[in-house]
Amino acid sequence: MKIEELFSVQGKVALVTAVVEVSAKMIARAYVENGAKSISPRRAGRLASALQKELSQFGECIAIPADLSRMEEIARLSSELHKREKKLDILVNNAGASWGATFAEFPENGWDKVMDLNVKSVFFLTQSLLDLLEAAGSANSYSRVINIGSIEGIRTSHLEAYSLCRVRKQA
């Protein structure tokens, strides 16, 4: 097998979440430039159509706006994808949120926002797309789920983002 074949995404279908961020936009663009169809959910409106127009210069890009912190939006995105595609080769779970507040003032709605998007949506979006991921996979070419997290999950932050980081004992 040639190296080009081993790492090729030509003809693949990739779903990249949170393309509002520079890193996810670069990921989606890399897939499109290398022959994959990129489906990128993000906020509705001018940003979604501008992104689709920009990335479509390099290949096929479809913007499907979705608020992945809400279960009904995950279901809607999954339904839209099932209508459009018979398979999903690559799922990049990149959507994430943060909330900064002092420990004493950290609100439940801040905690819920972070957990709903950073944890819950990753699981339930992947679950809802499992049949498409399985349809893309074979013994010679696996489908892939790439979960991208924040560095805040492994170190103590100066930002007091408690729902992102583990608590460490202070010496």
Protein backbone atom coordinates (compact mmCIF):
# COMPACT_ATOMS: atom_id res chain seq x y z
CA MET A 1 0.00 0.00 0.00
CA LYS A 2 1.29 3.46 -0.89
CA ILE A 3 1.56 6.20 1.75
CA GLU A 4 -0.96 8.32 -0.19
CA GLU A 5 -3.51 5.52 0.10
CA LEU A 6 -2.78 4.89 3.77
CA PHE A 7 -3.55 8.47 4.85
CA SER A 8 -5.96 9.49 2.11
CA VAL A 9 -9.34 11.02 2.94
CA GLN A 10 -10.33 11.17 -0.72
CA GLY A 11 -14.04 10.39 -1.03
CA LYS A 12 -14.57 10.23 2.74
CA VAL A 13 -17.34 12.01 4.65
CA ALA A 14 -16.23 13.98 7.72
CA LEU A 15 -18.37 15.73 10.32
CA VAL A 16 -16.48 18.42 12.26
CA THR A 17 -18.22 20.14 15.17
CA ALA A 18 -17.66 23.71 16.40
CA VAL A 19 -16.21 25.09 13.22
CA VAL A 20 -16.62 28.57 14.67
CA GLU A 21 -13.21 27.97 16.29
CA VAL A 22 -10.05 28.46 14.26
CA SER A 23 -8.76 24.94 14.99
CA ALA A 24 -11.96 23.24 13.82
CA LYS A 25 -12.12 25.46 10.74
CA MET A 26 -8.58 24.36 9.88
CA ILE A 27 -9.55 20.70 10.40
CA ALA A 28 -12.60 21.04 8.15
CA ARG A 29 -10.56 22.85 5.51
CA ALA A 30 -7.85 20.16 5.57
CA TYR A 31 -10.46 17.47 4.97
CA VAL A 32 -12.06 19.42 2.11
CA GLU A 33 -8.72 20.27 0.48
CA ASN A 34 -7.76 16.60 0.54
CA GLY A 35 -10.90 15.27 -1.11
CA ALA A 36 -13.30 14.61 1.77
CA LYS A 37 -16.79 16.00 1.98
CA SER A 38 -16.89 18.05 5.16
CA ILE A 39 -20.12 18.54 7.03
CA SER A 40 -19.70 21.24 9.62
CA PRO A 41 -22.35 22.20 12.14
CA ARG A 42 -22.20 25.63 13.70
CA ARG A 43 -24.39 28.61 14.42
CA ALA A 44 -27.05 29.48 11.89
CA GLY A 45 -27.06 32.61 9.80
CA ARG A 46 -24.40 34.48 7.93
CA LEU A 47 -21.50 32.68 9.65
CA ALA A 48 -22.69 29.26 8.48
CA SER A 49 -23.21 30.37 4.88
CA ALA A 50 -19.91 32.29 4.85
CA LEU A 51 -18.03 29.24 6.11
CA GLN A 52 -19.70 26.98 3.58
CA LYS A 53 -18.87 29.41 0.78
CA GLU A 54 -15.25 29.79 1.93
CA LEU A 55 -14.56 26.07 2.31
CA SER A 56 -16.44 25.15 -0.87
CA GLN A 57 -13.68 26.91 -2.84
CA PHE A 58 -11.51 23.90 -1.98
CA GLY A 59 -14.05 21.08 -2.28
CA GLU A 60 -17.43 20.04 -0.94
CA CYS A 61 -18.54 21.56 2.35
CA ILE A 62 -22.02 21.53 3.82
CA ALA A 63 -22.88 23.67 6.84
CA ILE A 64 -25.65 22.32 9.05
CA PRO A 65 -26.20 24.68 11.99
CA ALA A 66 -26.81 22.91 15.32
CA ASP A 67 -26.55 23.77 19.01
CA LEU A 68 -25.02 20.53 20.23
CA SER A 69 -25.61 21.39 23.89
CA ARG A 70 -29.29 20.52 23.33
CA MET A 71 -30.51 16.94 22.79
CA GLU A 72 -33.15 17.98 20.24
CA GLU A 73 -30.44 19.69 18.17
CA ILE A 74 -28.24 16.58 18.30
CA ALA A 75 -31.23 14.58 17.06
CA ARG A 76 -31.93 17.13 14.31
CA LEU A 77 -28.30 17.15 13.14
CA SER A 78 -28.25 13.35 13.14
CA SER A 79 -31.49 13.25 11.15
CA GLU A 80 -30.15 15.75 8.59
CA LEU A 81 -26.95 13.75 8.20
CA HIS A 82 -28.90 10.49 7.79
CA LYS A 83 -30.96 12.13 5.02
CA ARG A 84 -27.82 13.28 3.17
CA GLU A 85 -25.33 10.46 3.69
CA LYS A 86 -25.21 6.66 3.71
CA LYS A 87 -22.01 6.60 5.77
CA LEU A 88 -19.78 8.72 8.00
CA ASP A 89 -16.07 8.03 7.86
CA ILE A 90 -14.83 10.60 10.36
CA LEU A 91 -16.51 12.32 13.30
CA VAL A 92 -14.50 15.10 14.94
CA ASN A 93 -16.10 16.06 18.27
CA ASN A 94 -14.52 19.46 18.79
CA ALA A 95 -17.39 21.50 20.26
CA GLY A 96 -16.69 22.79 23.75
CA ALA A 97 -17.50 25.52 26.21
CA SER A 98 -16.03 27.07 29.32
CA TRP A 99 -17.44 29.06 32.21
CA GLY A 100 -15.38 31.14 34.58
CA ALA A 101 -16.52 32.07 38.08
CA THR A 102 -15.09 31.87 41.57
CA PHE A 103 -15.66 28.61 43.42
CA ALA A 104 -18.12 30.26 45.79
CA GLU A 105 -20.12 31.81 42.93
CA PHE A 106 -19.95 29.06 40.30
CA PRO A 107 -23.57 28.65 39.10
CA GLU A 108 -25.40 25.45 38.28
CA ASN A 109 -26.30 26.76 34.81
CA GLY A 110 -22.59 27.32 34.08
CA TRP A 111 -21.79 23.78 35.17
CA ASP A 112 -24.66 22.40 33.08
CA LYS A 113 -23.60 24.38 29.98
CA VAL A 114 -20.08 22.97 30.11
CA MET A 115 -21.14 19.39 30.88
CA ASP A 116 -23.91 19.39 28.26
CA LEU A 117 -21.59 20.48 25.46
CA ASN A 118 -18.23 19.05 26.50
CA VAL A 119 -19.36 15.64 27.77
CA LYS A 120 -22.99 14.83 27.08
CA SER A 121 -23.04 15.96 23.44
CA VAL A 122 -19.91 13.97 22.56
CA PHE A 123 -21.50 10.75 23.79
CA PHE A 124 -24.98 11.28 22.36
CA LEU A 125 -23.86 12.66 18.99
CA THR A 126 -21.54 9.68 18.54
CA GLN A 127 -24.31 7.32 19.63
CA SER A 128 -26.80 8.84 17.18
CA LEU A 129 -24.33 8.47 14.30
CA LEU A 130 -23.11 4.97 15.17
CA ASP A 131 -24.95 3.29 12.28
CA LEU A 132 -23.36 5.69 9.77
CA LEU A 133 -19.93 5.15 11.33
CA GLU A 134 -20.41 1.38 11.17
CA ALA A 135 -21.54 1.64 7.53
CA ALA A 136 -18.26 3.40 6.67
CA GLY A 137 -16.01 0.96 8.46
CA SER A 138 -14.50 -2.20 7.04
CA ALA A 139 -11.65 -4.55 7.93
CA ASN A 140 -9.34 -2.51 5.68
CA SER A 141 -10.61 0.97 6.45
CA TYR A 142 -11.99 1.88 9.86
CA SER A 143 -14.29 4.78 10.52
CA ARG A 144 -12.90 7.16 13.11
CA VAL A 145 -14.16 9.21 16.04
CA ILE A 146 -11.78 11.95 17.15
CA ASN A 147 -12.60 13.63 20.46
CA ILE A 148 -10.80 16.90 21.08
CA GLY A 149 -10.63 18.23 24.62
CA SER A 150 -9.20 21.19 26.42
CA ILE A 151 -5.88 21.38 28.24
CA GLU A 152 -7.98 22.70 31.12
CA GLY A 153 -9.04 19.10 31.75
CA ILE A 154 -5.56 18.05 32.86
CA ARG A 155 -4.13 21.04 34.67
CA THR A 156 -5.26 23.59 37.21
CA SER A 157 -6.27 26.78 35.50
CA HIS A 158 -5.82 30.35 36.61
CA LEU A 159 -9.28 31.00 35.15
CA GLU A 160 -11.31 29.20 37.85
CA ALA A 161 -13.05 27.02 35.26
CA TYR A 162 -14.07 24.34 37.76
CA SER A 163 -16.23 22.31 35.44
CA LEU A 164 -13.24 21.88 33.12
CA CYS A 165 -10.49 20.97 35.53
CA ARG A 166 -9.95 18.50 38.28
CA VAL A 167 -9.48 19.86 41.77
CA ARG A 168 -5.97 19.64 43.23
CA LYS A 169 -5.01 19.96 46.84
CA GLN A 170 -3.13 23.16 47.48
CA ALA A 171 0.05 22.67 49.55
